[in-house]
Amino acid sequence: MTFTLPDLPYAHDALAPYMSKETLEYHHDKHHQAYVTNGNNAIKGTEFEGKSLEEIVKGSYNKNAAVFNNAGQHYNHIHFWKWMKPKGGGSKLPGRLEKKINEDLGGFEKFKADFAAAGAGQFGSGWAWLQVKGGKLEISKTPNGENPLVHGAVPILGVDVWEHSYYIDYRNRRPDYLKAFVDNLINWDYVDELFGKA
Protein backbone atom coordinates (compact mmCIF):
# COMPACT_ATOMS: atom_id res chain seq x y z
CA MET A 1 0.00 0.00 0.00
CA THR A 2 1.42 3.37 -1.01
CA PHE A 3 0.52 6.30 1.20
CA THR A 4 -1.12 9.25 -0.51
CA LEU A 5 -1.96 12.65 0.91
CA PRO A 6 -5.74 12.99 1.26
CA ASP A 7 -7.38 16.24 0.22
CA LEU A 8 -8.68 18.39 3.05
CA PRO A 9 -12.45 17.90 3.45
CA TYR A 10 -12.87 21.72 3.42
CA ALA A 11 -11.08 24.77 2.03
CA HIS A 12 -7.80 25.85 3.66
CA ASP A 13 -9.49 28.93 5.12
CA ALA A 14 -12.68 27.16 6.28
CA LEU A 15 -11.61 26.69 9.91
CA ALA A 16 -10.60 30.33 10.49
CA PRO A 17 -10.33 32.08 12.86
CA TYR A 18 -9.71 29.01 15.06
CA MET A 19 -7.21 27.45 12.67
CA SER A 20 -5.82 29.70 9.96
CA LYS A 21 -5.31 29.14 6.27
CA GLU A 22 -1.56 29.51 6.84
CA THR A 23 -1.56 26.78 9.52
CA LEU A 24 -3.41 24.37 7.25
CA GLU A 25 -1.14 25.15 4.31
CA TYR A 26 1.89 24.25 6.42
CA HIS A 27 0.34 21.46 8.46
CA HIS A 28 -1.52 19.61 5.70
CA ASP A 29 0.39 20.52 2.55
CA LYS A 30 3.91 20.36 4.02
CA HIS A 31 4.00 18.35 7.27
CA HIS A 32 1.46 15.67 6.34
CA GLN A 33 2.98 15.43 2.85
CA ALA A 34 6.38 14.80 4.47
CA TYR A 35 4.96 11.88 6.51
CA VAL A 36 3.52 10.43 3.31
CA THR A 37 6.77 10.80 1.34
CA ASN A 38 9.05 9.61 4.14
CA GLY A 39 6.70 6.76 5.04
CA ASN A 40 6.62 5.47 1.47
CA ASN A 41 10.43 5.59 1.34
CA ALA A 42 10.82 3.86 4.72
CA ILE A 43 8.46 1.01 3.82
CA LYS A 44 10.19 0.09 0.55
CA GLY A 45 11.77 -3.35 0.79
CA THR A 46 10.42 -4.07 4.30
CA GLU A 47 7.91 -6.61 5.61
CA PHE A 48 5.34 -3.79 5.71
CA GLU A 49 5.03 -3.36 1.95
CA GLY A 50 1.49 -4.16 0.79
CA LYS A 51 -0.04 -4.10 4.29
CA SER A 52 -2.89 -1.88 5.43
CA LEU A 53 -2.08 1.31 7.31
CA GLU A 54 -3.40 -0.06 10.61
CA GLU A 55 -1.33 -3.24 10.20
CA ILE A 56 1.76 -1.13 9.48
CA VAL A 57 1.20 1.10 12.52
CA LYS A 58 0.68 -1.85 14.89
CA GLY A 59 3.39 -4.03 13.33
CA SER A 60 6.16 -1.41 13.22
CA TYR A 61 5.68 -0.14 16.81
CA ASN A 62 8.94 -0.62 18.73
CA LYS A 63 10.39 -2.45 15.69
CA ASN A 64 11.03 0.10 12.94
CA ALA A 65 11.07 3.72 14.09
CA ALA A 66 11.21 5.30 10.62
CA VAL A 67 8.21 3.31 9.41
CA PHE A 68 6.26 3.72 12.65
CA ASN A 69 6.80 7.46 13.07
CA ASN A 70 5.63 8.28 9.55
CA ALA A 71 2.86 5.67 9.32
CA GLY A 72 1.58 6.67 12.77
CA GLN A 73 1.49 10.33 11.86
CA HIS A 74 -0.14 9.56 8.49
CA TYR A 75 -2.87 7.57 10.28
CA ASN A 76 -3.33 10.29 12.91
CA HIS A 77 -3.59 13.07 10.34
CA ILE A 78 -5.98 11.25 7.97
CA HIS A 79 -8.41 11.33 10.88
CA PHE A 80 -7.35 14.70 12.30
CA TRP A 81 -8.62 16.58 9.22
CA LYS A 82 -11.96 14.76 9.51
CA TRP A 83 -12.16 15.36 13.27
CA MET A 84 -12.63 19.04 12.46
CA LYS A 85 -15.22 20.94 10.46
CA PRO A 86 -16.33 24.53 9.97
CA LYS A 87 -18.79 25.53 12.71
CA GLY A 88 -17.89 22.40 14.66
CA GLY A 89 -17.59 21.88 18.40
CA GLY A 90 -20.42 22.82 20.71
CA SER A 91 -22.19 20.64 23.24
CA LYS A 92 -24.85 19.11 20.96
CA LEU A 93 -23.61 15.53 20.59
CA PRO A 94 -25.17 12.53 18.88
CA GLY A 95 -27.32 10.77 21.49
CA ARG A 96 -25.49 7.45 21.94
CA LEU A 97 -22.14 9.24 22.20
CA GLU A 98 -23.44 11.75 24.72
CA LYS A 99 -24.88 8.90 26.80
CA LYS A 100 -21.54 7.05 26.76
CA ILE A 101 -19.57 10.20 27.70
CA ASN A 102 -21.97 10.72 30.62
CA GLU A 103 -21.60 7.07 31.72
CA ASP A 104 -17.85 6.65 31.34
CA LEU A 105 -16.37 10.13 31.69
CA GLY A 106 -18.65 11.93 34.13
CA GLY A 107 -20.45 14.17 31.64
CA PHE A 108 -19.56 16.49 28.80
CA GLU A 109 -18.07 19.35 30.86
CA LYS A 110 -15.77 16.92 32.68
CA PHE A 111 -14.79 15.35 29.33
CA LYS A 112 -13.90 18.81 27.96
CA ALA A 113 -11.76 19.66 30.98
CA ASP A 114 -10.01 16.28 31.09
CA PHE A 115 -9.40 16.14 27.32
CA ALA A 116 -7.91 19.66 27.32
CA ALA A 117 -5.80 18.77 30.39
CA ALA A 118 -4.43 15.68 28.61
CA GLY A 119 -3.44 17.84 25.62
CA ALA A 120 -1.94 20.60 27.74
CA GLY A 121 -0.10 18.08 29.91
CA GLN A 122 1.56 16.18 27.05
CA PHE A 123 5.21 17.24 27.35
CA GLY A 124 6.67 18.18 23.98
CA SER A 125 5.06 16.81 20.83
CA GLY A 126 2.17 14.37 20.84
CA TRP A 127 -1.58 13.87 20.87
CA ALA A 128 -4.55 13.75 23.25
CA TRP A 129 -7.21 11.13 22.59
CA LEU A 130 -10.74 10.00 23.24
CA GLN A 131 -10.51 6.24 22.80
CA VAL A 132 -12.56 3.09 23.20
CA LYS A 133 -10.90 0.30 25.18
CA GLY A 134 -12.68 -2.77 26.47
CA GLY A 135 -16.03 -1.20 25.57
CA LYS A 136 -15.38 1.92 27.65
CA LEU A 137 -14.49 5.48 26.69
CA GLU A 138 -11.17 6.75 28.02
CA ILE A 139 -9.03 9.87 27.66
CA SER A 140 -5.34 9.36 27.02
CA LYS A 141 -2.27 11.09 25.62
CA THR A 142 0.68 9.81 23.65
CA PRO A 143 4.08 11.20 22.64
CA ASN A 144 5.12 12.02 19.08
CA GLY A 145 3.24 9.95 16.46
CA GLU A 146 2.06 7.22 18.80
CA ASN A 147 -1.66 6.49 18.97
CA PRO A 148 -4.10 4.27 20.89
CA LEU A 149 -3.97 1.48 18.26
CA VAL A 150 -0.63 0.31 19.68
CA HIS A 151 -2.12 0.12 23.18
CA GLY A 152 -5.11 -2.06 22.30
CA ALA A 153 -7.57 0.82 21.98
CA VAL A 154 -9.46 2.48 19.14
CA PRO A 155 -9.11 6.26 18.77
CA ILE A 156 -12.38 8.05 18.00
CA LEU A 157 -11.11 11.62 18.55
CA GLY A 158 -7.61 13.05 18.63
CA VAL A 159 -6.06 16.49 18.84
CA ASP A 160 -2.57 17.19 17.55
CA VAL A 161 -0.45 19.08 20.10
CA TRP A 162 2.72 19.27 18.03
CA GLU A 163 3.69 22.95 17.83
CA HIS A 164 3.13 23.04 14.06
CA SER A 165 -0.57 22.46 14.76
CA TYR A 166 -1.03 25.70 16.67
CA TYR A 167 2.06 27.91 16.83
CA ILE A 168 1.23 30.19 13.90
CA ASP A 169 -2.18 31.00 15.42
CA TYR A 170 -1.62 30.69 19.17
CA ARG A 171 2.16 30.93 19.68
CA ASN A 172 2.85 29.17 23.00
CA ARG A 173 -0.78 29.26 24.20
CA ARG A 174 -1.56 25.55 23.81
CA PRO A 175 -4.52 25.66 26.27
CA ASP A 176 -6.20 28.37 24.13
CA TYR A 177 -5.77 26.19 21.03
CA LEU A 178 -7.27 23.18 22.85
CA LYS A 179 -10.25 25.24 24.02
CA ALA A 180 -10.83 26.50 20.46
CA PHE A 181 -10.57 22.95 19.13
CA VAL A 182 -13.18 21.55 21.53
CA ASP A 183 -15.54 24.54 21.43
CA ASN A 184 -15.42 25.37 17.72
CA LEU A 185 -13.81 22.67 15.56
CA ILE A 186 -14.72 19.10 16.58
CA ASN A 187 -16.76 17.22 14.01
CA TRP A 188 -18.91 15.20 16.42
CA ASP A 189 -20.64 13.34 13.57
CA TYR A 190 -17.30 11.82 12.53
CA VAL A 191 -16.47 10.96 16.15
CA ASP A 192 -19.85 9.24 16.40
CA GLU A 193 -19.22 7.37 13.13
CA LEU A 194 -15.93 5.97 14.49
CA PHE A 195 -17.58 5.22 17.85
CA GLY A 196 -20.17 3.14 16.01
CA LYS A 197 -17.41 0.98 14.48
CA ALA A 198 -15.17 0.70 17.56
C-alpha atoms as a PDB file:
ATOM      1  CA  MET A   1       0.000   0.000   0.000  1.00  0.00           C
ATOM      2  CA  THR A   2       1.418   3.367  -1.007  1.00  0.00           C
ATOM      3  CA  PHE A   3       0.525   6.295   1.204  1.00  0.00           C
ATOM      4  CA  THR A   4      -1.117   9.247  -0.510  1.00  0.00           C
ATOM      5  CA  LEU A   5      -1.963  12.655   0.912  1.00  0.00           C
ATOM      6  CA  PRO A   6      -5.744  12.992   1.257  1.00  0.00           C
ATOM      7  CA  ASP A   7      -7.382  16.242   0.219  1.00  0.00           C
ATOM      8  CA  LEU A   8      -8.678  18.387   3.051  1.00  0.00           C
ATOM      9  CA  PRO A   9     -12.451  17.902   3.449  1.00  0.00           C
ATOM     10  CA  TYR A  10     -12.871  21.715   3.421  1.00  0.00           C
ATOM     11  CA  ALA A  11     -11.075  24.772   2.031  1.00  0.00           C
ATOM     12  CA  HIS A  12      -7.801  25.846   3.656  1.00  0.00           C
ATOM     13  CA  ASP A  13      -9.494  28.933   5.119  1.00  0.00           C
ATOM     14  CA  ALA A  14     -12.676  27.164   6.279  1.00  0.00           C
ATOM     15  CA  LEU A  15     -11.609  26.692   9.910  1.00  0.00           C
ATOM     16  CA  ALA A  16     -10.597  30.328  10.488  1.00  0.00           C
ATOM     17  CA  PRO A  17     -10.328  32.082  12.855  1.00  0.00           C
ATOM     18  CA  TYR A  18      -9.710  29.012  15.064  1.00  0.00           C
ATOM     19  CA  MET A  19      -7.208  27.453  12.666  1.00  0.00           C
ATOM     20  CA  SER A  20      -5.821  29.704   9.956  1.00  0.00           C
ATOM     21  CA  LYS A  21      -5.312  29.141   6.265  1.00  0.00           C
ATOM     22  CA  GLU A  22      -1.565  29.511   6.839  1.00  0.00           C
ATOM     23  CA  THR A  23      -1.558  26.783   9.524  1.00  0.00           C
ATOM     24  CA  LEU A  24      -3.410  24.370   7.252  1.00  0.00           C
ATOM     25  CA  GLU A  25      -1.137  25.155   4.307  1.00  0.00           C
ATOM     26  CA  TYR A  26       1.891  24.249   6.418  1.00  0.00           C
ATOM     27  CA  HIS A  27       0.337  21.461   8.462  1.00  0.00           C
ATOM     28  CA  HIS A  28      -1.519  19.609   5.703  1.00  0.00           C
ATOM     29  CA  ASP A  29       0.385  20.524   2.551  1.00  0.00           C
ATOM     30  CA  LYS A  30       3.910  20.355   4.016  1.00  0.00           C
ATOM     31  CA  HIS A  31       4.000  18.350   7.268  1.00  0.00           C
ATOM     32  CA  HIS A  32       1.465  15.669   6.338  1.00  0.00           C
ATOM     33  CA  GLN A  33       2.980  15.426   2.851  1.00  0.00           C
ATOM     34  CA  ALA A  34       6.375  14.796   4.469  1.00  0.00           C
ATOM     35  CA  TYR A  35       4.957  11.885   6.514  1.00  0.00           C
ATOM     36  CA  VAL A  36       3.522  10.430   3.306  1.00  0.00           C
ATOM     37  CA  THR A  37       6.772  10.796   1.339  1.00  0.00           C
ATOM     38  CA  ASN A  38       9.048   9.614   4.144  1.00  0.00           C
ATOM     39  CA  GLY A  39       6.698   6.763   5.044  1.00  0.00           C
ATOM     40  CA  ASN A  40       6.624   5.470   1.473  1.00  0.00           C
ATOM     41  CA  ASN A  41      10.431   5.591   1.341  1.00  0.00           C
ATOM     42  CA  ALA A  42      10.821   3.861   4.723  1.00  0.00           C
ATOM     43  CA  ILE A  43       8.459   1.012   3.816  1.00  0.00           C
ATOM     44  CA  LYS A  44      10.194   0.091   0.554  1.00  0.00           C
ATOM     45  CA  GLY A  45      11.765  -3.348   0.793  1.00  0.00           C
ATOM     46  CA  THR A  46      10.420  -4.072   4.299  1.00  0.00           C
ATOM     47  CA  GLU A  47       7.912  -6.613   5.608  1.00  0.00           C
ATOM     48  CA  PHE A  48       5.340  -3.792   5.711  1.00  0.00           C
ATOM     49  CA  GLU A  49       5.025  -3.363   1.946  1.00  0.00           C
ATOM     50  CA  GLY A  50       1.488  -4.160   0.789  1.00  0.00           C
ATOM     51  CA  LYS A  51      -0.040  -4.101   4.287  1.00  0.00           C
ATOM     52  CA  SER A  52      -2.895  -1.876   5.434  1.00  0.00           C
ATOM     53  CA  LEU A  53      -2.079   1.313   7.311  1.00  0.00           C
ATOM     54  CA  GLU A  54      -3.402  -0.061  10.610  1.00  0.00           C
ATOM     55  CA  GLU A  55      -1.330  -3.240  10.197  1.00  0.00           C
ATOM     56  CA  ILE A  56       1.763  -1.134   9.478  1.00  0.00           C
ATOM     57  CA  VAL A  57       1.198   1.096  12.524  1.00  0.00           C
ATOM     58  CA  LYS A  58       0.677  -1.854  14.891  1.00  0.00           C
ATOM     59  CA  GLY A  59       3.394  -4.029  13.333  1.00  0.00           C
ATOM     60  CA  SER A  60       6.155  -1.408  13.220  1.00  0.00           C
ATOM     61  CA  TYR A  61       5.679  -0.140  16.806  1.00  0.00           C
ATOM     62  CA  ASN A  62       8.944  -0.618  18.729  1.00  0.00           C
ATOM     63  CA  LYS A  63      10.387  -2.447  15.693  1.00  0.00           C
ATOM     64  CA  ASN A  64      11.030   0.098  12.936  1.00  0.00           C
ATOM     65  CA  ALA A  65      11.075   3.719  14.086  1.00  0.00           C
ATOM     66  CA  ALA A  66      11.205   5.297  10.620  1.00  0.00           C
ATOM     67  CA  VAL A  67       8.210   3.308   9.407  1.00  0.00           C
ATOM     68  CA  PHE A  68       6.262   3.717  12.648  1.00  0.00           C
ATOM     69  CA  ASN A  69       6.799   7.464  13.068  1.00  0.00           C
ATOM     70  CA  ASN A  70       5.632   8.280   9.545  1.00  0.00           C
ATOM     71  CA  ALA A  71       2.861   5.670   9.316  1.00  0.00           C
ATOM     72  CA  GLY A  72       1.580   6.668  12.768  1.00  0.00           C
ATOM     73  CA  GLN A  73       1.492  10.332  11.861  1.00  0.00           C
ATOM     74  CA  HIS A  74      -0.138   9.565   8.494  1.00  0.00           C
ATOM     75  CA  TYR A  75      -2.869   7.572  10.278  1.00  0.00           C
ATOM     76  CA  ASN A  76      -3.330  10.294  12.909  1.00  0.00           C
ATOM     77  CA  HIS A  77      -3.592  13.073  10.336  1.00  0.00           C
ATOM     78  CA  ILE A  78      -5.978  11.252   7.971  1.00  0.00           C
ATOM     79  CA  HIS A  79      -8.409  11.335  10.881  1.00  0.00           C
ATOM     80  CA  PHE A  80      -7.352  14.703  12.300  1.00  0.00           C
ATOM     81  CA  TRP A  81      -8.615  16.583   9.221  1.00  0.00           C
ATOM     82  CA  LYS A  82     -11.963  14.759   9.514  1.00  0.00           C
ATOM     83  CA  TRP A  83     -12.164  15.364  13.266  1.00  0.00           C
ATOM     84  CA  MET A  84     -12.627  19.041  12.457  1.00  0.00           C
ATOM     85  CA  LYS A  85     -15.224  20.937  10.464  1.00  0.00           C
ATOM     86  CA  PRO A  86     -16.333  24.532   9.968  1.00  0.00           C
ATOM     87  CA  LYS A  87     -18.791  25.534  12.711  1.00  0.00           C
ATOM     88  CA  GLY A  88     -17.888  22.404  14.664  1.00  0.00           C
ATOM     89  CA  GLY A  89     -17.594  21.876  18.400  1.00  0.00           C
ATOM     90  CA  GLY A  90     -20.423  22.821  20.710  1.00  0.00           C
ATOM     91  CA  SER A  91     -22.186  20.642  23.239  1.00  0.00           C
ATOM     92  CA  LYS A  92     -24.848  19.111  20.963  1.00  0.00           C
ATOM     93  CA  LEU A  93     -23.606  15.534  20.592  1.00  0.00           C
ATOM     94  CA  PRO A  94     -25.167  12.527  18.877  1.00  0.00           C
ATOM     95  CA  GLY A  95     -27.319  10.771  21.485  1.00  0.00           C
ATOM     96  CA  ARG A  96     -25.493   7.453  21.935  1.00  0.00           C
ATOM     97  CA  LEU A  97     -22.137   9.236  22.197  1.00  0.00           C
ATOM     98  CA  GLU A  98     -23.442  11.752  24.721  1.00  0.00           C
ATOM     99  CA  LYS A  99     -24.880   8.901  26.800  1.00  0.00           C
ATOM    100  CA  LYS A 100     -21.540   7.052  26.762  1.00  0.00           C
ATOM    101  CA  ILE A 101     -19.566  10.203  27.703  1.00  0.00           C
ATOM    102  CA  ASN A 102     -21.971  10.720  30.623  1.00  0.00           C
ATOM    103  CA  GLU A 103     -21.601   7.073  31.718  1.00  0.00           C
ATOM    104  CA  ASP A 104     -17.849   6.652  31.340  1.00  0.00           C
ATOM    105  CA  LEU A 105     -16.368  10.132  31.686  1.00  0.00           C
ATOM    106  CA  GLY A 106     -18.654  11.933  34.135  1.00  0.00           C
ATOM    107  CA  GLY A 107     -20.448  14.170  31.640  1.00  0.00           C
ATOM    108  CA  PHE A 108     -19.560  16.494  28.799  1.00  0.00           C
ATOM    109  CA  GLU A 109     -18.072  19.350  30.855  1.00  0.00           C
ATOM    110  CA  LYS A 110     -15.766  16.924  32.676  1.00  0.00           C
ATOM    111  CA  PHE A 111     -14.786  15.351  29.335  1.00  0.00           C
ATOM    112  CA  LYS A 112     -13.904  18.814  27.964  1.00  0.00           C
ATOM    113  CA  ALA A 113     -11.761  19.661  30.980  1.00  0.00           C
ATOM    114  CA  ASP A 114     -10.006  16.283  31.094  1.00  0.00           C
ATOM    115  CA  PHE A 115      -9.400  16.142  27.324  1.00  0.00           C
ATOM    116  CA  ALA A 116      -7.907  19.655  27.322  1.00  0.00           C
ATOM    117  CA  ALA A 117      -5.802  18.773  30.387  1.00  0.00           C
ATOM    118  CA  ALA A 118      -4.429  15.682  28.606  1.00  0.00           C
ATOM    119  CA  GLY A 119      -3.445  17.839  25.622  1.00  0.00           C
ATOM    120  CA  ALA A 120      -1.945  20.598  27.743  1.00  0.00           C
ATOM    121  CA  GLY A 121      -0.098  18.084  29.912  1.00  0.00           C
ATOM    122  CA  GLN A 122       1.563  16.182  27.050  1.00  0.00           C
ATOM    123  CA  PHE A 123       5.206  17.236  27.348  1.00  0.00           C
ATOM    124  CA  GLY A 124       6.666  18.179  23.979  1.00  0.00           C
ATOM    125  CA  SER A 125       5.058  16.811  20.835  1.00  0.00           C
ATOM    126  CA  GLY A 126       2.169  14.373  20.837  1.00  0.00           C
ATOM    127  CA  TRP A 127      -1.578  13.869  20.874  1.00  0.00           C
ATOM    128  CA  ALA A 128      -4.546  13.747  23.249  1.00  0.00           C
ATOM    129  CA  TRP A 129      -7.209  11.128  22.585  1.00  0.00           C
ATOM    130  CA  LEU A 130     -10.736   9.997  23.236  1.00  0.00           C
ATOM    131  CA  GLN A 131     -10.514   6.239  22.803  1.00  0.00           C
ATOM    132  CA  VAL A 132     -12.565   3.085  23.203  1.00  0.00           C
ATOM    133  CA  LYS A 133     -10.896   0.304  25.177  1.00  0.00           C
ATOM    134  CA  GLY A 134     -12.682  -2.772  26.475  1.00  0.00           C
ATOM    135  CA  GLY A 135     -16.028  -1.203  25.567  1.00  0.00           C
ATOM    136  CA  LYS A 136     -15.375   1.922  27.652  1.00  0.00           C
ATOM    137  CA  LEU A 137     -14.486   5.478  26.688  1.00  0.00           C
ATOM    138  CA  GLU A 138     -11.166   6.749  28.024  1.00  0.00           C
ATOM    139  CA  ILE A 139      -9.034   9.873  27.656  1.00  0.00           C
ATOM    140  CA  SER A 140      -5.342   9.357  27.015  1.00  0.00           C
ATOM    141  CA  LYS A 141      -2.273  11.086  25.623  1.00  0.00           C
ATOM    142  CA  THR A 142       0.680   9.812  23.646  1.00  0.00           C
ATOM    143  CA  PRO A 143       4.078  11.199  22.636  1.00  0.00           C
ATOM    144  CA  ASN A 144       5.121  12.019  19.081  1.00  0.00           C
ATOM    145  CA  GLY A 145       3.241   9.955  16.464  1.00  0.00           C
ATOM    146  CA  GLU A 146       2.062   7.221  18.804  1.00  0.00           C
ATOM    147  CA  ASN A 147      -1.663   6.492  18.974  1.00  0.00           C
ATOM    148  CA  PRO A 148      -4.101   4.267  20.888  1.00  0.00           C
ATOM    149  CA  LEU A 149      -3.968   1.480  18.262  1.00  0.00           C
ATOM    150  CA  VAL A 150      -0.634   0.310  19.680  1.00  0.00           C
ATOM    151  CA  HIS A 151      -2.125   0.119  23.183  1.00  0.00           C
ATOM    152  CA  GLY A 152      -5.106  -2.065  22.301  1.00  0.00           C
ATOM    153  CA  ALA A 153      -7.574   0.817  21.983  1.00  0.00           C
ATOM    154  CA  VAL A 154      -9.459   2.484  19.135  1.00  0.00           C
ATOM    155  CA  PRO A 155      -9.110   6.261  18.770  1.00  0.00           C
ATOM    156  CA  ILE A 156     -12.383   8.049  18.000  1.00  0.00           C
ATOM    157  CA  LEU A 157     -11.107  11.620  18.546  1.00  0.00           C
ATOM    158  CA  GLY A 158      -7.611  13.050  18.628  1.00  0.00           C
ATOM    159  CA  VAL A 159      -6.057  16.493  18.841  1.00  0.00           C
ATOM    160  CA  ASP A 160      -2.570  17.190  17.552  1.00  0.00           C
ATOM    161  CA  VAL A 161      -0.454  19.078  20.098  1.00  0.00           C
ATOM    162  CA  TRP A 162       2.718  19.274  18.027  1.00  0.00           C
ATOM    163  CA  GLU A 163       3.691  22.948  17.826  1.00  0.00           C
ATOM    164  CA  HIS A 164       3.127  23.039  14.056  1.00  0.00           C
ATOM    165  CA  SER A 165      -0.568  22.457  14.757  1.00  0.00           C
ATOM    166  CA  TYR A 166      -1.035  25.699  16.671  1.00  0.00           C
ATOM    167  CA  TYR A 167       2.063  27.906  16.834  1.00  0.00           C
ATOM    168  CA  ILE A 168       1.226  30.194  13.901  1.00  0.00           C
ATOM    169  CA  ASP A 169      -2.182  31.001  15.419  1.00  0.00           C
ATOM    170  CA  TYR A 170      -1.624  30.687  19.170  1.00  0.00           C
ATOM    171  CA  ARG A 171       2.155  30.932  19.679  1.00  0.00           C
ATOM    172  CA  ASN A 172       2.846  29.168  23.004  1.00  0.00           C
ATOM    173  CA  ARG A 173      -0.782  29.260  24.204  1.00  0.00           C
ATOM    174  CA  ARG A 174      -1.560  25.554  23.806  1.00  0.00           C
ATOM    175  CA  PRO A 175      -4.516  25.661  26.269  1.00  0.00           C
ATOM    176  CA  ASP A 176      -6.201  28.367  24.127  1.00  0.00           C
ATOM    177  CA  TYR A 177      -5.771  26.186  21.030  1.00  0.00           C
ATOM    178  CA  LEU A 178      -7.268  23.184  22.847  1.00  0.00           C
ATOM    179  CA  LYS A 179     -10.254  25.241  24.022  1.00  0.00           C
ATOM    180  CA  ALA A 180     -10.833  26.503  20.462  1.00  0.00           C
ATOM    181  CA  PHE A 181     -10.572  22.946  19.129  1.00  0.00           C
ATOM    182  CA  VAL A 182     -13.181  21.551  21.530  1.00  0.00           C
ATOM    183  CA  ASP A 183     -15.543  24.540  21.428  1.00  0.00           C
ATOM    184  CA  ASN A 184     -15.416  25.369  17.718  1.00  0.00           C
ATOM    185  CA  LEU A 185     -13.809  22.672  15.557  1.00  0.00           C
ATOM    186  CA  ILE A 186     -14.719  19.104  16.578  1.00  0.00           C
ATOM    187  CA  ASN A 187     -16.760  17.217  14.007  1.00  0.00           C
ATOM    188  CA  TRP A 188     -18.907  15.199  16.418  1.00  0.00           C
ATOM    189  CA  ASP A 189     -20.639  13.340  13.571  1.00  0.00           C
ATOM    190  CA  TYR A 190     -17.301  11.817  12.528  1.00  0.00           C
ATOM    191  CA  VAL A 191     -16.469  10.959  16.152  1.00  0.00           C
ATOM    192  CA  ASP A 192     -19.848   9.236  16.398  1.00  0.00           C
ATOM    193  CA  GLU A 193     -19.221   7.365  13.129  1.00  0.00           C
ATOM    194  CA  LEU A 194     -15.928   5.967  14.489  1.00  0.00           C
ATOM    195  CA  PHE A 195     -17.583   5.218  17.854  1.00  0.00           C
ATOM    196  CA  GLY A 196     -20.170   3.136  16.008  1.00  0.00           C
ATOM    197  CA  LYS A 197     -17.408   0.984  14.478  1.00  0.00           C
ATOM    198  CA  ALA A 198     -15.173   0.698  17.563  1.00  0.00           C
END
